[in-house]
Amino acid sequence: MSGEPSDEELQRIREQKKKQLKEQAGEADQEAIEEQRQQAEAQKKAILRQHLTDGARKRLNTVKMSKPQVGEKVEQQIIALAQSGRIQGKIDEDKMKQLLKELTPDSKSFDIRRR
C-alpha cells in the first residue's frame, strides 16, 4: 500500500462532499426563504397598522381567529386597496363590517323536513 486512497474511496469521499454542499445550500435557501417571508409579514402588518383603526384591527383579528381563510382574504383586499391608493383615511370598524359582509360568503342554510 502506497498510502494513496483507492478509486472507490475517492468516489465515496466525493459523494460525501457533494451531499454536505447540497445540505448547506439547502439550509441557506431555507434561511433566505424564511427571511423573505418574515419581511413580507412585517410589511403587511405595517400597511394594516397604517390603514386600520384599533377597532377595525381588533375585529379583523377576531375574524382571523374564527375563520383564518376569510381573515387572510380581507387582509389581502385591504393591502391591495392600500397599494393602489384607493383608501382615503383609515378604515374604521363600520367600514370593516361592510368589507367583511362583502367578502364572506353567505352561510348555507338547510331545511330539514320530517315526514
Protein backbone atom coordinates (compact mmCIF):
# COMPACT_ATOMS: atom_id res chain seq x y z
CA MET A 1 0.00 0.00 0.00
CA SER A 2 1.43 3.30 -1.02
CA GLY A 3 -0.86 5.37 1.24
CA GLU A 4 -2.88 6.74 -1.66
CA PRO A 5 -6.68 6.29 -1.47
CA SER A 6 -8.28 3.88 -3.89
CA ASP A 7 -10.71 4.95 -6.60
CA GLU A 8 -13.67 3.65 -4.60
CA GLU A 9 -12.58 5.57 -1.55
CA LEU A 10 -12.13 8.76 -3.59
CA GLN A 11 -15.60 8.32 -5.08
CA ARG A 12 -17.11 7.84 -1.62
CA ILE A 13 -15.36 10.97 -0.33
CA ARG A 14 -16.59 12.98 -3.35
CA GLU A 15 -20.16 11.84 -2.78
CA GLN A 16 -19.98 12.78 0.91
CA LYS A 17 -18.66 16.22 0.00
CA LYS A 18 -21.43 16.72 -2.59
CA LYS A 19 -24.01 15.72 -0.01
CA GLN A 20 -22.59 18.18 2.52
CA LEU A 21 -22.58 21.01 -0.03
CA LYS A 22 -26.18 20.27 -1.03
CA GLU A 23 -27.27 20.29 2.62
CA GLN A 24 -25.50 23.60 3.24
CA ALA A 25 -27.07 25.12 0.13
CA GLY A 26 -30.49 23.82 1.16
CA GLU A 27 -30.15 25.34 4.62
CA ALA A 28 -29.09 28.68 3.10
CA ASP A 29 -32.08 28.57 0.74
CA GLN A 30 -34.43 27.80 3.64
CA GLU A 31 -32.98 30.67 5.66
CA ALA A 32 -33.38 33.09 2.74
CA ILE A 33 -36.96 31.97 2.16
CA GLU A 34 -37.78 32.34 5.86
CA GLU A 35 -36.21 35.81 5.94
CA GLN A 36 -38.24 36.91 2.90
CA ARG A 37 -41.41 35.56 4.49
CA GLN A 38 -40.71 37.48 7.70
CA GLN A 39 -40.05 40.69 5.77
CA ALA A 40 -43.29 40.30 3.83
CA GLU A 41 -45.20 39.65 7.07
CA ALA A 42 -43.68 42.75 8.69
CA GLN A 43 -44.57 44.86 5.65
CA LYS A 44 -48.14 43.52 5.69
CA LYS A 45 -48.52 44.37 9.39
CA ALA A 46 -47.17 47.87 8.80
CA ILE A 47 -49.67 48.52 5.99
CA LEU A 48 -52.56 47.21 8.10
CA ARG A 49 -51.45 49.29 11.11
CA GLN A 50 -51.29 52.37 8.91
CA HIS A 51 -54.73 51.96 7.32
CA LEU A 52 -56.86 50.41 10.11
CA THR A 53 -58.18 51.92 13.31
CA ASP A 54 -57.78 49.97 16.55
CA GLY A 55 -61.38 48.77 16.47
CA ALA A 56 -61.09 47.57 12.88
CA ARG A 57 -57.82 45.78 13.68
CA LYS A 58 -59.43 44.03 16.65
CA ARG A 59 -62.38 42.95 14.52
CA LEU A 60 -60.04 41.63 11.83
CA ASN A 61 -58.04 39.67 14.42
CA THR A 62 -61.25 38.17 15.79
CA VAL A 63 -62.31 37.09 12.31
CA LYS A 64 -58.87 35.62 11.65
CA MET A 65 -59.13 33.50 14.78
CA SER A 66 -62.53 32.09 13.89
CA LYS A 67 -62.16 31.93 10.10
CA PRO A 68 -58.48 32.16 9.03
CA GLN A 69 -59.21 31.97 5.28
CA VAL A 70 -61.67 34.84 5.44
CA GLY A 71 -59.27 36.90 7.56
CA GLU A 72 -56.46 36.37 5.05
CA LYS A 73 -58.77 37.30 2.17
CA VAL A 74 -59.78 40.53 3.92
CA GLU A 75 -56.14 41.38 4.68
CA GLN A 76 -55.18 40.83 1.05
CA GLN A 77 -58.05 43.04 -0.09
CA ILE A 78 -57.06 45.85 2.28
CA ILE A 79 -53.42 45.63 1.21
CA ALA A 80 -54.40 45.70 -2.46
CA LEU A 81 -56.60 48.76 -1.86
CA ALA A 82 -53.82 50.49 0.09
CA GLN A 83 -51.17 49.79 -2.53
CA SER A 84 -53.40 51.05 -5.33
CA GLY A 85 -54.10 54.24 -3.36
CA ARG A 86 -57.85 53.69 -3.12
CA ILE A 87 -58.04 54.07 0.67
CA GLN A 88 -58.71 57.59 1.89
CA GLY A 89 -58.00 57.93 5.60
CA LYS A 90 -58.31 54.92 7.87
CA ILE A 91 -60.76 52.04 7.74
CA ASP A 92 -62.90 52.17 10.86
CA GLU A 93 -64.98 49.41 12.41
CA ASP A 94 -68.10 50.18 10.36
CA LYS A 95 -66.18 50.05 7.07
CA MET A 96 -64.58 46.81 8.26
CA LYS A 97 -68.02 45.31 8.91
CA GLN A 98 -69.10 46.30 5.42
CA LEU A 99 -65.94 44.82 3.90
CA LEU A 100 -66.42 41.60 5.84
CA LYS A 101 -70.02 41.33 4.62
CA GLU A 102 -68.88 41.73 1.03
CA LEU A 103 -66.09 39.18 1.28
CA THR A 104 -67.72 36.46 3.38
CA PRO A 105 -69.93 34.02 1.58
CA ASP A 106 -73.48 33.69 2.79
CA SER A 107 -73.86 30.84 5.19
CA LYS A 108 -75.75 27.94 3.74
CA SER A 109 -78.96 27.09 5.47
CA PHE A 110 -80.53 23.67 5.45
CA ASP A 111 -84.19 22.97 5.83
CA ILE A 112 -84.90 19.58 7.31
CA ARG A 113 -88.39 18.28 6.85
CA ARG A 114 -89.60 15.25 8.66
CA ARG A 115 -92.31 13.14 7.16
